C-alpha atoms as a PDB file:
ATOM      1  CA  MET A   1      55.037 -25.628 -82.776  1.00  0.00           C
ATOM      2  CA  ILE A   2      58.689 -24.641 -82.844  1.00  0.00           C
ATOM      3  CA  PRO A   3      61.174 -27.135 -81.359  1.00  0.00           C
ATOM      4  CA  LEU A   4      63.758 -25.392 -79.196  1.00  0.00           C
ATOM      5  CA  ARG A   5      65.817 -28.265 -77.772  1.00  0.00           C
ATOM      6  CA  ASP A   6      65.584 -31.865 -76.599  1.00  0.00           C
ATOM      7  CA  ASP A   7      66.788 -33.573 -73.436  1.00  0.00           C
ATOM      8  CA  ASN A   8      68.604 -36.309 -75.342  1.00  0.00           C
ATOM      9  CA  THR A   9      72.343 -35.682 -74.906  1.00  0.00           C
ATOM     10  CA  PRO A  10      74.532 -37.623 -77.370  1.00  0.00           C
ATOM     11  CA  ALA A  11      77.468 -39.649 -76.092  1.00  0.00           C
ATOM     12  CA  ARG A  12      79.791 -38.376 -78.825  1.00  0.00           C
ATOM     13  CA  THR A  13      80.421 -34.936 -80.271  1.00  0.00           C
ATOM     14  CA  PRO A  14      78.161 -34.558 -83.353  1.00  0.00           C
ATOM     15  CA  VAL A  15      80.936 -33.499 -85.724  1.00  0.00           C
ATOM     16  CA  VAL A  16      79.049 -34.258 -88.951  1.00  0.00           C
ATOM     17  CA  THR A  17      75.904 -32.474 -87.821  1.00  0.00           C
ATOM     18  CA  ARG A  18      77.909 -29.375 -86.980  1.00  0.00           C
ATOM     19  CA  VAL A  19      79.817 -29.510 -90.264  1.00  0.00           C
ATOM     20  CA  LEU A  20      76.539 -29.773 -92.205  1.00  0.00           C
ATOM     21  CA  VAL A  21      75.170 -26.719 -90.394  1.00  0.00           C
ATOM     22  CA  VAL A  22      78.328 -24.729 -91.096  1.00  0.00           C
ATOM     23  CA  LEU A  23      78.367 -25.732 -94.760  1.00  0.00           C
ATOM     24  CA  CYS A  24      74.744 -24.714 -95.247  1.00  0.00           C
ATOM     25  CA  VAL A  25      75.360 -21.358 -93.569  1.00  0.00           C
ATOM     26  CA  LEU A  26      78.482 -20.702 -95.653  1.00  0.00           C
ATOM     27  CA  VAL A  27      76.704 -21.586 -98.887  1.00  0.00           C
ATOM     28  CA  PHE A  28      73.817 -19.300 -97.945  1.00  0.00           C
ATOM     29  CA  LEU A  29      76.216 -16.421 -97.246  1.00  0.00           C
ATOM     30  CA  TRP A  30      77.795 -17.062-100.639  1.00  0.00           C
ATOM     31  CA  GLN A  31      74.355 -16.952-102.259  1.00  0.00           C
ATOM     32  CA  MET A  32      73.605 -13.637-100.564  1.00  0.00           C
ATOM     33  CA  SER A  33      76.937 -12.193-101.685  1.00  0.00           C
ATOM     34  CA  LEU A  34      76.009 -12.767-105.340  1.00  0.00           C
ATOM     35  CA  GLY A  35      73.156 -10.300-105.350  1.00  0.00           C
ATOM     36  CA  PRO A  36      69.562 -10.960-106.482  1.00  0.00           C
ATOM     37  CA  GLU A  37      70.176 -11.660-110.175  1.00  0.00           C
ATOM     38  CA  ALA A  38      73.299 -13.806-109.861  1.00  0.00           C
ATOM     39  CA  GLY A  39      71.835 -15.483-106.785  1.00  0.00           C
ATOM     40  CA  GLN A  40      68.775 -16.532-108.765  1.00  0.00           C
ATOM     41  CA  ALA A  41      71.038 -17.835-111.518  1.00  0.00           C
ATOM     42  CA  ALA A  42      72.899 -19.928-108.926  1.00  0.00           C
ATOM     43  CA  VAL A  43      69.601 -21.457-107.797  1.00  0.00           C
ATOM     44  CA  TYR A  44      68.855 -22.572-111.364  1.00  0.00           C
ATOM     45  CA  ALA A  45      72.410 -23.795-111.892  1.00  0.00           C
ATOM     46  CA  LEU A  46      72.788 -25.755-108.642  1.00  0.00           C
ATOM     47  CA  GLY A  47      69.190 -26.548-107.712  1.00  0.00           C
ATOM     48  CA  VAL A  48      67.332 -29.628-108.922  1.00  0.00           C
ATOM     49  CA  ILE A  49      65.067 -28.924-111.895  1.00  0.00           C
ATOM     50  CA  PRO A  50      63.013 -32.062-112.603  1.00  0.00           C
ATOM     51  CA  ALA A  51      62.726 -31.433-116.339  1.00  0.00           C
ATOM     52  CA  VAL A  52      66.510 -31.095-116.574  1.00  0.00           C
ATOM     53  CA  LEU A  53      67.204 -34.005-114.224  1.00  0.00           C
ATOM     54  CA  PHE A  54      65.087 -36.345-116.362  1.00  0.00           C
ATOM     55  CA  GLY A  55      66.518 -35.069-119.641  1.00  0.00           C
ATOM     56  CA  ARG A  56      63.363 -33.380-120.901  1.00  0.00           C
ATOM     57  CA  GLU A  57      64.999 -29.980-121.106  1.00  0.00           C
ATOM     58  CA  ALA A  58      68.476 -28.493-120.885  1.00  0.00           C
ATOM     59  CA  LEU A  59      69.826 -25.463-119.112  1.00  0.00           C
ATOM     60  CA  PRO A  60      71.521 -22.658-121.069  1.00  0.00           C
ATOM     61  CA  ALA A  61      75.254 -23.281-121.385  1.00  0.00           C
ATOM     62  CA  GLU A  62      76.123 -20.539-118.888  1.00  0.00           C
ATOM     63  CA  LEU A  63      74.005 -22.242-116.203  1.00  0.00           C
ATOM     64  CA  ALA A  64      75.021 -25.854-116.879  1.00  0.00           C
ATOM     65  CA  VAL A  65      77.953 -25.735-114.466  1.00  0.00           C
ATOM     66  CA  VAL A  66      77.419 -29.229-113.028  1.00  0.00           C
ATOM     67  CA  ALA A  67      75.804 -32.411-114.330  1.00  0.00           C
ATOM     68  CA  PRO A  68      72.054 -32.628-113.630  1.00  0.00           C
ATOM     69  CA  THR A  69      72.557 -35.643-111.372  1.00  0.00           C
ATOM     70  CA  LEU A  70      75.024 -33.711-109.217  1.00  0.00           C
ATOM     71  CA  THR A  71      72.441 -31.016-108.556  1.00  0.00           C
ATOM     72  CA  ILE A  72      70.683 -33.584-106.357  1.00  0.00           C
ATOM     73  CA  PHE A  73      73.531 -33.031-103.905  1.00  0.00           C
ATOM     74  CA  THR A  74      74.399 -29.367-104.506  1.00  0.00           C
ATOM     75  CA  SER A  75      70.750 -28.436-103.952  1.00  0.00           C
ATOM     76  CA  MET A  76      70.871 -29.855-100.403  1.00  0.00           C
ATOM     77  CA  PHE A  77      73.182 -27.059 -99.271  1.00  0.00           C
ATOM     78  CA  MET A  78      71.296 -24.118-100.764  1.00  0.00           C
ATOM     79  CA  HIS A  79      68.366 -22.211 -99.284  1.00  0.00           C
ATOM     80  CA  GLY A  80      65.822 -19.733-100.535  1.00  0.00           C
ATOM     81  CA  GLY A  81      65.955 -17.279 -97.650  1.00  0.00           C
ATOM     82  CA  PHE A  82      67.042 -16.695 -94.070  1.00  0.00           C
ATOM     83  CA  MET A  83      63.922 -18.242 -92.507  1.00  0.00           C
ATOM     84  CA  HIS A  84      64.242 -21.279 -94.774  1.00  0.00           C
ATOM     85  CA  LEU A  85      67.825 -21.734 -93.586  1.00  0.00           C
ATOM     86  CA  LEU A  86      67.025 -21.032 -89.924  1.00  0.00           C
ATOM     87  CA  GLY A  87      64.155 -23.512 -89.789  1.00  0.00           C
ATOM     88  CA  ASN A  88      66.149 -26.286 -91.395  1.00  0.00           C
ATOM     89  CA  MET A  89      69.254 -25.737 -89.277  1.00  0.00           C
ATOM     90  CA  LEU A  90      67.186 -25.632 -86.086  1.00  0.00           C
ATOM     91  CA  TYR A  91      65.705 -29.067 -86.788  1.00  0.00           C
ATOM     92  CA  LEU A  92      69.082 -30.481 -87.856  1.00  0.00           C
ATOM     93  CA  TRP A  93      70.795 -29.086 -84.746  1.00  0.00           C
ATOM     94  CA  ILE A  94      68.187 -30.490 -82.346  1.00  0.00           C
ATOM     95  CA  PHE A  95      67.625 -33.933 -83.865  1.00  0.00           C
ATOM     96  CA  GLY A  96      70.734 -34.616 -85.946  1.00  0.00           C
ATOM     97  CA  ASP A  97      73.196 -35.121 -83.101  1.00  0.00           C
ATOM     98  CA  ASN A  98      71.392 -38.157 -81.681  1.00  0.00           C
ATOM     99  CA  VAL A  99      70.829 -39.772 -85.066  1.00  0.00           C
ATOM    100  CA  GLU A 100      74.514 -39.287 -85.874  1.00  0.00           C
ATOM    101  CA  ASP A 101      75.402 -40.783 -82.501  1.00  0.00           C
ATOM    102  CA  SER A 102      73.195 -43.814 -83.193  1.00  0.00           C
ATOM    103  CA  MET A 103      75.112 -44.850 -86.313  1.00  0.00           C
ATOM    104  CA  GLY A 104      78.521 -43.175 -86.365  1.00  0.00           C
ATOM    105  CA  ARG A 105      79.834 -40.351 -88.498  1.00  0.00           C
ATOM    106  CA  VAL A 106      80.525 -42.099 -91.796  1.00  0.00           C
ATOM    107  CA  ARG A 107      77.215 -43.938 -91.846  1.00  0.00           C
ATOM    108  CA  PHE A 108      75.413 -40.740 -90.921  1.00  0.00           C
ATOM    109  CA  VAL A 109      76.849 -38.942 -93.954  1.00  0.00           C
ATOM    110  CA  VAL A 110      75.648 -41.742 -96.249  1.00  0.00           C
ATOM    111  CA  PHE A 111      72.268 -41.895 -94.509  1.00  0.00           C
ATOM    112  CA  TYR A 112      71.771 -38.133 -94.745  1.00  0.00           C
ATOM    113  CA  LEU A 113      72.597 -38.022 -98.451  1.00  0.00           C
ATOM    114  CA  LEU A 114      70.401 -41.025 -99.259  1.00  0.00           C
ATOM    115  CA  CYS A 115      67.454 -39.407 -97.500  1.00  0.00           C
ATOM    116  CA  GLY A 116      68.104 -36.278 -99.533  1.00  0.00           C
ATOM    117  CA  VAL A 117      68.135 -38.278-102.763  1.00  0.00           C
ATOM    118  CA  ALA A 118      64.872 -40.015-101.833  1.00  0.00           C
ATOM    119  CA  ALA A 119      63.325 -36.627-101.044  1.00  0.00           C
ATOM    120  CA  VAL A 120      64.319 -35.208-104.435  1.00  0.00           C
ATOM    121  CA  PHE A 121      62.712 -38.062-106.328  1.00  0.00           C
ATOM    122  CA  ALA A 122      59.601 -38.002-104.127  1.00  0.00           C
ATOM    123  CA  GLN A 123      59.125 -34.380-105.157  1.00  0.00           C
ATOM    124  CA  ALA A 124      60.262 -34.664-108.781  1.00  0.00           C
ATOM    125  CA  LEU A 125      58.648 -37.889-109.994  1.00  0.00           C
ATOM    126  CA  PRO A 126      55.017 -36.711-109.661  1.00  0.00           C
ATOM    127  CA  ASP A 127      55.830 -33.750-111.937  1.00  0.00           C
ATOM    128  CA  PRO A 128      58.875 -34.692-114.057  1.00  0.00           C
ATOM    129  CA  GLY A 129      58.319 -31.829-116.481  1.00  0.00           C
ATOM    130  CA  SER A 130      58.538 -29.124-113.831  1.00  0.00           C
ATOM    131  CA  ASN A 131      60.931 -26.232-114.457  1.00  0.00           C
ATOM    132  CA  ILE A 132      60.845 -25.064-110.837  1.00  0.00           C
ATOM    133  CA  PRO A 133      64.243 -25.475-109.107  1.00  0.00           C
ATOM    134  CA  MET A 134      64.271 -27.349-105.797  1.00  0.00           C
ATOM    135  CA  ILE A 135      66.747 -26.294-103.115  1.00  0.00           C
ATOM    136  CA  GLY A 136      67.154 -26.842 -99.402  1.00  0.00           C
ATOM    137  CA  ALA A 137      68.234 -29.399 -96.838  1.00  0.00           C
ATOM    138  CA  SER A 138      64.628 -30.075 -95.831  1.00  0.00           C
ATOM    139  CA  GLY A 139      64.379 -33.482 -97.485  1.00  0.00           C
ATOM    140  CA  ALA A 140      67.555 -34.869 -95.933  1.00  0.00           C
ATOM    141  CA  ILE A 141      66.652 -33.401 -92.536  1.00  0.00           C
ATOM    142  CA  SER A 142      63.191 -34.953 -92.822  1.00  0.00           C
ATOM    143  CA  GLY A 143      64.981 -38.301 -93.029  1.00  0.00           C
ATOM    144  CA  VAL A 144      66.745 -37.453 -89.773  1.00  0.00           C
ATOM    145  CA  LEU A 145      63.362 -36.747 -88.182  1.00  0.00           C
ATOM    146  CA  GLY A 146      61.965 -40.071 -89.387  1.00  0.00           C
ATOM    147  CA  ALA A 147      64.929 -41.901 -87.889  1.00  0.00           C
ATOM    148  CA  TYR A 148      64.654 -40.007 -84.595  1.00  0.00           C
ATOM    149  CA  LEU A 149      60.985 -40.922 -84.357  1.00  0.00           C
ATOM    150  CA  LEU A 150      61.760 -44.643 -84.387  1.00  0.00           C
ATOM    151  CA  MET A 151      64.706 -44.481 -81.986  1.00  0.00           C
ATOM    152  CA  TYR A 152      63.911 -41.772 -79.465  1.00  0.00           C
ATOM    153  CA  PRO A 153      60.128 -41.225 -79.456  1.00  0.00           C
ATOM    154  CA  HIS A 154      60.071 -40.799 -75.664  1.00  0.00           C
ATOM    155  CA  ALA A 155      62.754 -38.118 -75.495  1.00  0.00           C
ATOM    156  CA  ARG A 156      61.328 -34.829 -74.263  1.00  0.00           C
ATOM    157  CA  VAL A 157      61.363 -31.869 -76.612  1.00  0.00           C
ATOM    158  CA  LEU A 158      60.892 -28.285 -75.484  1.00  0.00           C
ATOM    159  CA  VAL A 159      58.635 -26.632 -78.051  1.00  0.00           C
ATOM    160  CA  GLY A 160      57.439 -23.072 -78.385  1.00  0.00           C
ATOM    161  CA  ILE A 161      53.818 -22.392 -79.251  1.00  0.00           C
ATOM    162  CA  PRO A 162      53.163 -18.853 -80.524  1.00  0.00           C
ATOM    163  CA  LEU A 163      50.116 -17.343 -78.813  1.00  0.00           C
ATOM    164  CA  GLY A 164      49.804 -13.875 -80.255  1.00  0.00           C
ATOM    165  CA  PHE A 165      52.907 -11.972 -79.131  1.00  0.00           C
ATOM    166  CA  VAL A 166      53.761 -14.578 -76.486  1.00  0.00           C
ATOM    167  CA  LEU A 167      55.748 -17.772 -77.053  1.00  0.00           C
ATOM    168  CA  GLN A 168      54.391 -20.409 -74.674  1.00  0.00           C
ATOM    169  CA  THR A 169      56.832 -23.256 -74.009  1.00  0.00           C
ATOM    170  CA  VAL A 170      55.934 -26.841 -73.133  1.00  0.00           C
ATOM    171  CA  ARG A 171      57.793 -30.147 -73.012  1.00  0.00           C
ATOM    172  CA  MET A 172      56.368 -32.895 -75.203  1.00  0.00           C
ATOM    173  CA  PRO A 173      57.443 -36.415 -76.191  1.00  0.00           C
ATOM    174  CA  ALA A 174      59.412 -36.375 -79.441  1.00  0.00           C
ATOM    175  CA  GLY A 175      56.996 -38.949 -80.853  1.00  0.00           C
ATOM    176  CA  ILE A 176      54.102 -36.512 -80.619  1.00  0.00           C
ATOM    177  CA  VAL A 177      56.124 -33.592 -81.989  1.00  0.00           C
ATOM    178  CA  LEU A 178      57.383 -35.534 -84.999  1.00  0.00           C
ATOM    179  CA  VAL A 179      54.113 -37.286 -85.798  1.00  0.00           C
ATOM    180  CA  LEU A 180      52.332 -33.937 -85.716  1.00  0.00           C
ATOM    181  CA  TRP A 181      55.039 -32.508 -87.989  1.00  0.00           C
ATOM    182  CA  PHE A 182      54.541 -35.332 -90.483  1.00  0.00           C
ATOM    183  CA  VAL A 183      50.742 -35.015 -90.415  1.00  0.00           C
ATOM    184  CA  LEU A 184      51.095 -31.288 -91.099  1.00  0.00           C
ATOM    185  CA  GLN A 185      53.373 -31.959 -94.077  1.00  0.00           C
ATOM    186  CA  PHE A 186      50.976 -34.567 -95.459  1.00  0.00           C
ATOM    187  CA  ALA A 187      47.925 -32.360 -95.007  1.00  0.00           C
ATOM    188  CA  SER A 188      49.708 -29.390 -96.561  1.00  0.00           C
ATOM    189  CA  SER A 189      50.707 -31.488 -99.569  1.00  0.00           C
ATOM    190  CA  LEU A 190      47.048 -32.247-100.264  1.00  0.00           C
ATOM    191  CA  PHE A 191      46.251 -28.554-100.579  1.00  0.00           C
ATOM    192  CA  ALA A 192      49.472 -27.409-102.256  1.00  0.00           C
ATOM    193  CA  ARG A 193      49.080 -26.156-105.789  1.00  0.00           C
ATOM    194  CA  GLY A 194      51.125 -27.953-108.408  1.00  0.00           C
ATOM    195  CA  GLY A 195      53.217 -26.026-110.890  1.00  0.00           C
ATOM    196  CA  GLU A 196      53.995 -23.186-108.467  1.00  0.00           C
ATOM    197  CA  GLY A 197      56.990 -22.468-106.330  1.00  0.00           C
ATOM    198  CA  GLY A 198      56.786 -22.906-102.579  1.00  0.00           C
ATOM    199  CA  VAL A 199      57.415 -25.530 -99.928  1.00  0.00           C
ATOM    200  CA  ALA A 200      58.349 -28.946-101.332  1.00  0.00           C
ATOM    201  CA  PHE A 201      56.009 -30.994 -99.152  1.00  0.00           C
ATOM    202  CA  GLY A 202      56.564 -34.094-101.287  1.00  0.00           C
ATOM    203  CA  ALA A 203      60.277 -33.929-100.492  1.00  0.00           C
ATOM    204  CA  HIS A 204      59.533 -33.658 -96.774  1.00  0.00           C
ATOM    205  CA  ILE A 205      57.264 -36.696 -96.868  1.00  0.00           C
ATOM    206  CA  GLY A 206      59.632 -38.732 -99.031  1.00  0.00           C
ATOM    207  CA  GLY A 207      62.651 -37.911 -96.885  1.00  0.00           C
ATOM    208  CA  PHE A 208      60.801 -38.722 -93.660  1.00  0.00           C
ATOM    209  CA  ILE A 209      59.682 -42.121 -94.932  1.00  0.00           C
ATOM    210  CA  ALA A 210      63.162 -42.843 -96.286  1.00  0.00           C
ATOM    211  CA  GLY A 211      64.630 -42.130 -92.862  1.00  0.00           C
ATOM    212  CA  MET A 212      62.223 -44.577 -91.226  1.00  0.00           C
ATOM    213  CA  VAL A 213      62.982 -47.261 -93.803  1.00  0.00           C
ATOM    214  CA  LEU A 214      66.764 -46.802 -93.743  1.00  0.00           C
ATOM    215  CA  ILE A 215      67.386 -46.427 -90.014  1.00  0.00           C
ATOM    216  CA  PRO A 216      67.287 -50.202 -89.262  1.00  0.00           C
ATOM    217  CA  LEU A 217      70.108 -50.638 -91.797  1.00  0.00           C
ATOM    218  CA  PHE A 218      72.301 -47.811 -90.479  1.00  0.00           C
ATOM    219  CA  LYS A 219      71.901 -47.730 -86.705  1.00  0.00           C
ATOM    220  CA  ARG A 220      74.227 -49.556 -84.361  1.00  0.00           C
ATOM    221  CA  ARG A 221      72.959 -52.912 -83.146  1.00  0.00           C
ATOM    222  CA  ASP A 222      72.818 -51.745 -79.545  1.00  0.00           C
ATOM    223  CA  VAL A 223      70.376 -48.950 -80.405  1.00  0.00           C
ATOM    224  CA  PRO A 224      66.806 -50.341 -80.270  1.00  0.00           C
ATOM    225  CA  LEU A 225      63.874 -49.247 -82.368  1.00  0.00           C
ATOM    226  CA  ARG A 226      60.728 -48.170 -80.548  1.00  0.00           C
ATOM    227  CA  LEU A 227      57.126 -47.548 -81.450  1.00  0.00           C
ATOM    228  CA  PRO A 228      56.295 -43.832 -81.223  1.00  0.00           C
ATOM    229  CA  PHE A 229      53.474 -44.366 -78.725  1.00  0.00           C
ATOM    230  CA  GLY A 230      54.513 -47.666 -77.199  1.00  0.00           C
ATOM    231  CA  ARG A 231      56.159 -48.322 -73.852  1.00  0.00           C
ATOM    232  CA  ARG A 232      59.678 -47.242 -73.123  1.00  0.00           C
END
């Protein structure tokens, strides 16, 4: 399923969400401008490498441009390819505006970054000796999805379902869309091979759970929490 839009219009302009999208796009264009070799070097320099983050190994001097702890944040704005960027920005654009609206701009920035941090450690701690760099906004955006699930599970989401060469569209409750997304991430993590590059399913799961845990602390008091499949 591919989410296309929701029917949940925010009361305020989602400035932070838009800025995050623009920053990620600009960083990706910068990555592409470097060329393949320098672009790969940038991934190692600014992505999170668990073995480096936990002090087990060190990067060559020419790649150690920021402290390992700072790569937790620089990695959130980098992406491994156009489809990686497009998928992440689509989810952030659809679901981020309402989560930002539920807590305000400053709190949303803190919330987003904390979910990203939780996602990094959820992926890195099971394999602290890994030398594979982690990049992407997926973990932080997963936190946004977890928060949306608990606040707006009954919002309607227009999703596209590829059927061969045809994209069938259907409106579904956000609760179903997001629960199915989480189940897919969890199932995929069970079959993912360790020690190889690919999708960081652990980061997706960790970020999603972090968003669900943190949203009661960050949302405005007038925004209620709801069970995904309960009554409105």
